[in-house]
């Protein structure tokens, strides 16, 4: 499957449906990826208590955080070559909205999500 295509989105959503709960880890996030093979891609994710409640291609109407990065940085994060914290510190991951929510409150969710996505990324063409 190709990264960000319909099959990848379905596999990703399935992999993320059993994330462990993290009380208070609520957010509506738009991930904006520039320079992907399909052009600029936005994926809207909604979390409640650290659990994925929705994920779709496109922008959310109630976005709280916008996380922007290039395609190469997104691939590096999704494959475990770079952490999102390192990407942020290097300026490669831009955060619009409450930075502390992204950097601190959602850190355990990000870690769990990336671990859950490892098998999906192993079957993904980037």
N, C-alpha and C. Protein backbone atom coordinates (compact mmCIF):
# COMPACT_ATOMS: atom_id res chain seq x y z
N UNK A 1 0.85 -1.18 0.00
CA UNK A 1 0.00 0.00 0.00
C UNK A 1 0.89 1.23 0.00
N UNK A 2 0.36 2.31 -0.51
CA UNK A 2 1.10 3.57 -0.57
C UNK A 2 0.70 4.45 0.61
N UNK A 3 1.69 5.14 1.13
CA UNK A 3 1.43 6.01 2.27
C UNK A 3 0.37 7.06 1.91
N UNK A 4 -0.55 7.28 2.81
CA UNK A 4 -1.64 8.25 2.74
C UNK A 4 -2.75 7.88 1.76
N UNK A 5 -2.68 6.70 1.08
CA UNK A 5 -3.79 6.33 0.21
C UNK A 5 -4.92 5.73 1.06
N UNK A 6 -6.03 5.38 0.42
CA UNK A 6 -7.19 4.88 1.16
C UNK A 6 -6.89 3.61 1.94
N UNK A 7 -6.13 2.70 1.34
CA UNK A 7 -5.77 1.46 2.02
C UNK A 7 -4.91 1.74 3.26
N UNK A 8 -3.97 2.67 3.12
CA UNK A 8 -3.11 3.04 4.25
C UNK A 8 -3.93 3.69 5.35
N UNK A 9 -4.85 4.56 4.98
CA UNK A 9 -5.70 5.21 5.98
C UNK A 9 -6.52 4.17 6.75
N UNK A 10 -7.09 3.20 6.05
CA UNK A 10 -7.89 2.16 6.71
C UNK A 10 -7.01 1.31 7.64
N UNK A 11 -5.83 0.93 7.18
CA UNK A 11 -4.92 0.13 8.00
C UNK A 11 -4.45 0.92 9.22
N UNK A 12 -4.18 2.19 9.03
CA UNK A 12 -3.74 3.05 10.12
C UNK A 12 -4.84 3.21 11.16
N UNK A 13 -6.05 3.48 10.70
CA UNK A 13 -7.17 3.64 11.63
C UNK A 13 -7.39 2.35 12.42
N UNK A 14 -7.28 1.21 11.76
CA UNK A 14 -7.45 -0.08 12.44
C UNK A 14 -6.35 -0.28 13.48
N UNK A 15 -5.11 0.06 13.13
CA UNK A 15 -3.98 -0.12 14.05
C UNK A 15 -4.10 0.78 15.27
N UNK A 16 -4.73 1.93 15.10
CA UNK A 16 -4.83 2.90 16.19
C UNK A 16 -6.08 2.75 17.05
N UNK A 17 -6.97 1.85 16.70
CA UNK A 17 -8.23 1.77 17.43
C UNK A 17 -8.09 1.21 18.84
N UNK A 18 -6.99 0.54 19.15
CA UNK A 18 -6.81 -0.03 20.48
C UNK A 18 -5.71 0.64 21.29
N UNK A 19 -5.48 1.92 21.05
CA UNK A 19 -4.49 2.64 21.85
C UNK A 19 -4.91 2.62 23.31
N UNK A 20 -3.95 2.55 24.22
CA UNK A 20 -4.32 2.58 25.64
C UNK A 20 -4.88 3.95 26.02
N UNK A 21 -5.86 3.99 26.90
CA UNK A 21 -6.43 5.28 27.29
C UNK A 21 -5.42 6.12 28.08
N UNK A 22 -5.50 7.42 27.86
CA UNK A 22 -4.70 8.39 28.60
C UNK A 22 -5.68 9.48 29.02
N UNK A 23 -6.06 9.46 30.28
CA UNK A 23 -7.08 10.39 30.76
C UNK A 23 -6.71 11.83 30.46
N UNK A 24 -7.65 12.56 29.87
CA UNK A 24 -7.46 13.97 29.59
C UNK A 24 -6.70 14.27 28.31
N UNK A 25 -6.22 13.24 27.62
CA UNK A 25 -5.49 13.46 26.37
C UNK A 25 -6.50 13.60 25.24
N UNK A 26 -7.13 14.77 25.18
CA UNK A 26 -8.14 15.08 24.19
C UNK A 26 -7.57 16.11 23.22
N UNK A 27 -7.85 15.92 21.93
CA UNK A 27 -7.39 16.90 20.95
C UNK A 27 -8.04 16.63 19.60
N UNK A 28 -8.20 17.71 18.85
CA UNK A 28 -8.56 17.62 17.44
C UNK A 28 -7.36 18.19 16.69
N UNK A 29 -6.73 17.35 15.89
CA UNK A 29 -5.45 17.70 15.27
C UNK A 29 -5.55 17.57 13.76
N UNK A 30 -5.05 18.57 13.05
CA UNK A 30 -4.85 18.46 11.61
C UNK A 30 -3.36 18.29 11.37
N UNK A 31 -2.99 17.17 10.75
CA UNK A 31 -1.61 16.94 10.33
C UNK A 31 -1.52 17.38 8.88
N UNK A 32 -0.68 18.38 8.60
CA UNK A 32 -0.52 18.91 7.25
C UNK A 32 0.85 18.49 6.74
N UNK A 33 0.83 17.68 5.69
CA UNK A 33 2.06 17.13 5.11
C UNK A 33 2.26 17.76 3.74
N UNK A 34 3.35 18.49 3.57
CA UNK A 34 3.64 19.12 2.28
C UNK A 34 4.61 18.25 1.49
N UNK A 35 4.45 18.29 0.17
CA UNK A 35 5.39 17.60 -0.70
C UNK A 35 5.20 16.10 -0.79
N UNK A 36 4.03 15.59 -0.43
CA UNK A 36 3.80 14.15 -0.56
C UNK A 36 3.59 13.83 -2.04
N UNK A 37 3.68 12.55 -2.43
CA UNK A 37 3.45 12.20 -3.83
C UNK A 37 2.08 12.67 -4.35
N UNK A 38 1.10 12.78 -3.45
CA UNK A 38 -0.23 13.25 -3.83
C UNK A 38 -0.37 14.76 -3.67
N UNK A 39 0.72 15.45 -3.36
CA UNK A 39 0.67 16.89 -3.10
C UNK A 39 0.48 17.14 -1.62
N UNK A 40 -0.03 18.30 -1.27
CA UNK A 40 -0.26 18.64 0.13
C UNK A 40 -1.40 17.77 0.66
N UNK A 41 -1.14 17.10 1.79
CA UNK A 41 -2.11 16.18 2.37
C UNK A 41 -2.42 16.62 3.80
N UNK A 42 -3.70 16.67 4.14
CA UNK A 42 -4.11 16.97 5.50
C UNK A 42 -4.90 15.80 6.03
N UNK A 43 -4.53 15.35 7.22
CA UNK A 43 -5.24 14.26 7.90
C UNK A 43 -5.73 14.79 9.23
N UNK A 44 -7.04 14.74 9.43
CA UNK A 44 -7.67 15.21 10.66
C UNK A 44 -7.87 14.03 11.61
N UNK A 45 -7.42 14.20 12.85
CA UNK A 45 -7.49 13.15 13.87
C UNK A 45 -8.17 13.74 15.11
N UNK A 46 -9.08 12.96 15.68
CA UNK A 46 -9.71 13.36 16.93
C UNK A 46 -9.41 12.31 17.98
N UNK A 47 -8.91 12.77 19.14
CA UNK A 47 -8.58 11.90 20.26
C UNK A 47 -9.43 12.28 21.47
N UNK A 48 -9.91 11.28 22.17
CA UNK A 48 -10.59 11.48 23.45
C UNK A 48 -9.97 10.50 24.44
N UNK A 49 -9.43 11.06 25.52
CA UNK A 49 -8.72 10.25 26.52
C UNK A 49 -7.67 9.34 25.87
N UNK A 50 -6.98 9.90 24.88
CA UNK A 50 -5.89 9.18 24.23
C UNK A 50 -6.31 8.16 23.21
N UNK A 51 -7.60 8.00 23.01
CA UNK A 51 -8.13 7.00 22.06
C UNK A 51 -8.58 7.70 20.78
N UNK A 52 -8.28 7.08 19.65
CA UNK A 52 -8.71 7.62 18.37
C UNK A 52 -10.22 7.49 18.23
N UNK A 53 -10.90 8.60 17.98
CA UNK A 53 -12.34 8.55 17.76
C UNK A 53 -12.70 8.82 16.31
N UNK A 54 -11.82 9.51 15.58
CA UNK A 54 -12.03 9.68 14.14
C UNK A 54 -10.73 10.05 13.46
N UNK A 55 -10.67 9.70 12.18
CA UNK A 55 -9.51 10.01 11.35
C UNK A 55 -10.00 10.10 9.91
N UNK A 56 -9.64 11.18 9.23
CA UNK A 56 -10.09 11.35 7.85
C UNK A 56 -9.11 12.23 7.09
N UNK A 57 -9.12 12.07 5.78
CA UNK A 57 -8.35 12.96 4.94
C UNK A 57 -9.15 14.25 4.83
N UNK A 58 -8.49 15.37 5.01
CA UNK A 58 -9.14 16.67 4.96
C UNK A 58 -9.01 17.38 6.28
N UNK A 59 -9.51 18.59 6.33
CA UNK A 59 -9.40 19.43 7.52
C UNK A 59 -10.58 19.22 8.45
N UNK A 60 -10.30 19.37 9.73
CA UNK A 60 -11.35 19.31 10.73
C UNK A 60 -12.01 20.67 10.87
N UNK A 61 -13.29 20.67 11.19
CA UNK A 61 -14.00 21.92 11.43
C UNK A 61 -13.69 22.49 12.81
N UNK A 62 -13.23 21.64 13.73
CA UNK A 62 -13.02 22.06 15.12
C UNK A 62 -11.56 21.88 15.54
N UNK A 63 -10.63 22.15 14.65
CA UNK A 63 -9.21 21.90 14.90
C UNK A 63 -8.68 22.72 16.09
N UNK A 64 -7.88 22.06 16.94
CA UNK A 64 -7.23 22.70 18.08
C UNK A 64 -5.72 22.83 17.87
N UNK A 65 -5.16 21.86 17.17
CA UNK A 65 -3.73 21.84 16.88
C UNK A 65 -3.53 21.58 15.39
N UNK A 66 -2.60 22.31 14.80
CA UNK A 66 -2.19 22.03 13.43
C UNK A 66 -0.71 21.68 13.50
N UNK A 67 -0.39 20.48 13.04
CA UNK A 67 0.99 19.99 13.04
C UNK A 67 1.42 19.90 11.58
N UNK A 68 2.41 20.71 11.20
CA UNK A 68 2.86 20.79 9.81
C UNK A 68 4.28 20.28 9.69
N UNK A 69 4.51 19.55 8.59
CA UNK A 69 5.84 19.03 8.31
C UNK A 69 5.93 18.64 6.84
N UNK A 70 7.15 18.42 6.38
CA UNK A 70 7.34 17.96 5.01
C UNK A 70 7.09 16.46 4.95
N UNK A 71 6.89 15.97 3.76
CA UNK A 71 6.70 14.54 3.53
C UNK A 71 7.89 13.74 4.08
N UNK A 72 9.10 14.19 3.80
CA UNK A 72 10.29 13.46 4.26
C UNK A 72 10.33 13.37 5.79
N UNK A 73 9.96 14.43 6.47
CA UNK A 73 9.94 14.42 7.94
C UNK A 73 8.83 13.49 8.43
N UNK A 74 7.67 13.54 7.80
CA UNK A 74 6.57 12.64 8.19
C UNK A 74 6.99 11.18 8.06
N UNK A 75 7.64 10.84 6.96
CA UNK A 75 8.10 9.47 6.75
C UNK A 75 9.13 9.09 7.81
N UNK A 76 10.05 9.99 8.11
CA UNK A 76 11.07 9.71 9.12
C UNK A 76 10.43 9.47 10.49
N UNK A 77 9.40 10.21 10.83
CA UNK A 77 8.72 10.03 12.11
C UNK A 77 7.93 8.73 12.10
N UNK A 78 7.18 8.49 11.04
CA UNK A 78 6.35 7.29 10.96
C UNK A 78 7.17 6.00 10.92
N UNK A 79 8.38 6.06 10.40
CA UNK A 79 9.24 4.86 10.34
C UNK A 79 10.17 4.75 11.54
N UNK A 80 10.10 5.71 12.45
CA UNK A 80 10.92 5.65 13.66
C UNK A 80 12.33 6.17 13.49
N UNK A 81 12.65 6.76 12.35
CA UNK A 81 13.98 7.31 12.13
C UNK A 81 14.20 8.62 12.88
N UNK A 82 13.09 9.30 13.23
CA UNK A 82 13.16 10.57 13.95
C UNK A 82 11.95 10.64 14.89
N UNK A 83 12.15 11.18 16.06
CA UNK A 83 11.00 11.40 16.94
C UNK A 83 10.36 12.73 16.59
N UNK A 84 9.08 12.86 16.89
CA UNK A 84 8.41 14.13 16.61
C UNK A 84 8.97 15.24 17.50
N UNK A 85 9.45 14.88 18.69
CA UNK A 85 10.07 15.89 19.56
C UNK A 85 11.35 16.44 18.93
N UNK A 86 12.17 15.57 18.37
CA UNK A 86 13.40 16.02 17.69
C UNK A 86 13.03 16.87 16.48
N UNK A 87 12.02 16.44 15.74
CA UNK A 87 11.56 17.22 14.59
C UNK A 87 11.12 18.62 15.00
N UNK A 88 10.42 18.71 16.12
CA UNK A 88 9.98 20.01 16.63
C UNK A 88 11.20 20.85 17.03
N UNK A 89 12.14 20.25 17.76
CA UNK A 89 13.32 21.00 18.22
C UNK A 89 14.16 21.49 17.05
N UNK A 90 14.18 20.75 15.95
CA UNK A 90 14.94 21.14 14.76
C UNK A 90 14.18 22.13 13.87
N UNK A 91 12.91 22.37 14.21
CA UNK A 91 12.11 23.26 13.40
C UNK A 91 11.47 22.60 12.19
N UNK A 92 11.59 21.29 12.10
CA UNK A 92 11.02 20.56 10.96
C UNK A 92 9.55 20.21 11.19
N UNK A 93 9.11 20.24 12.45
CA UNK A 93 7.71 20.01 12.80
C UNK A 93 7.20 21.30 13.42
N UNK A 94 6.22 21.90 12.77
CA UNK A 94 5.65 23.16 13.26
C UNK A 94 4.34 22.86 13.99
N UNK A 95 4.15 23.51 15.13
CA UNK A 95 2.94 23.32 15.93
C UNK A 95 2.21 24.66 16.02
N UNK A 96 0.96 24.67 15.57
CA UNK A 96 0.09 25.83 15.75
C UNK A 96 -0.97 25.44 16.77
N UNK A 97 -1.06 26.21 17.82
CA UNK A 97 -1.98 25.90 18.90
C UNK A 97 -1.19 25.70 20.18
N UNK A 98 -1.81 25.12 21.19
CA UNK A 98 -1.15 24.97 22.49
C UNK A 98 0.01 23.95 22.43
N UNK A 99 1.22 24.50 22.33
CA UNK A 99 2.42 23.66 22.20
C UNK A 99 2.53 22.65 23.34
N UNK A 100 2.20 23.07 24.56
CA UNK A 100 2.36 22.16 25.71
C UNK A 100 1.45 20.94 25.58
N UNK A 101 0.31 21.11 24.96
CA UNK A 101 -0.57 19.96 24.76
C UNK A 101 0.11 18.94 23.85
N UNK A 102 0.68 19.42 22.74
CA UNK A 102 1.36 18.53 21.80
C UNK A 102 2.62 17.92 22.42
N UNK A 103 3.44 18.78 23.01
CA UNK A 103 4.74 18.31 23.50
C UNK A 103 4.64 17.47 24.76
N UNK A 104 3.73 17.80 25.66
CA UNK A 104 3.68 17.11 26.95
C UNK A 104 2.46 16.20 27.10
N UNK A 105 1.27 16.78 26.99
CA UNK A 105 0.05 16.02 27.26
C UNK A 105 -0.16 14.85 26.29
N UNK A 106 0.21 15.05 25.03
CA UNK A 106 -0.02 14.01 24.02
C UNK A 106 1.19 13.13 23.76
N UNK A 107 2.29 13.36 24.46
CA UNK A 107 3.50 12.56 24.24
C UNK A 107 3.23 11.05 24.40
N UNK A 108 2.56 10.60 25.49
CA UNK A 108 2.33 9.16 25.60
C UNK A 108 1.44 8.61 24.48
N UNK A 109 0.53 9.42 23.99
CA UNK A 109 -0.33 8.99 22.89
C UNK A 109 0.50 8.87 21.61
N UNK A 110 1.36 9.85 21.36
CA UNK A 110 2.22 9.80 20.17
C UNK A 110 3.10 8.57 20.19
N UNK A 111 3.68 8.26 21.34
CA UNK A 111 4.56 7.09 21.45
C UNK A 111 3.79 5.80 21.19
N UNK A 112 2.62 5.66 21.81
CA UNK A 112 1.79 4.47 21.60
C UNK A 112 1.36 4.35 20.15
N UNK A 113 0.98 5.48 19.55
CA UNK A 113 0.52 5.47 18.17
C UNK A 113 1.63 5.03 17.21
N UNK A 114 2.82 5.54 17.41
CA UNK A 114 3.92 5.16 16.52
C UNK A 114 4.28 3.69 16.67
N UNK A 115 4.22 3.17 17.90
CA UNK A 115 4.47 1.74 18.10
C UNK A 115 3.39 0.91 17.40
N UNK A 116 2.14 1.34 17.50
CA UNK A 116 1.04 0.62 16.86
C UNK A 116 1.13 0.68 15.33
N UNK A 117 1.72 1.74 14.82
CA UNK A 117 1.83 1.91 13.36
C UNK A 117 3.02 1.19 12.74
N UNK A 118 3.93 0.67 13.54
CA UNK A 118 5.13 0.02 12.99
C UNK A 118 4.79 -1.10 12.00
N UNK A 119 3.85 -2.00 12.31
CA UNK A 119 3.52 -3.04 11.33
C UNK A 119 2.90 -2.47 10.05
N UNK A 120 2.12 -1.42 10.17
CA UNK A 120 1.52 -0.79 8.99
C UNK A 120 2.63 -0.19 8.12
N UNK A 121 3.56 0.49 8.76
CA UNK A 121 4.64 1.12 8.00
C UNK A 121 5.56 0.09 7.35
N UNK A 122 5.67 -1.10 7.94
CA UNK A 122 6.49 -2.16 7.34
C UNK A 122 5.91 -2.61 6.01
N UNK A 123 4.59 -2.43 5.82
CA UNK A 123 3.91 -2.82 4.58
C UNK A 123 3.59 -1.64 3.68
N UNK A 124 4.20 -0.49 3.96
CA UNK A 124 3.87 0.74 3.26
C UNK A 124 4.99 1.13 2.31
N UNK A 125 4.59 1.54 1.12
CA UNK A 125 5.53 2.09 0.15
C UNK A 125 5.58 3.60 0.35
N UNK A 126 6.80 4.11 0.55
CA UNK A 126 6.96 5.56 0.77
C UNK A 126 7.74 6.17 -0.38
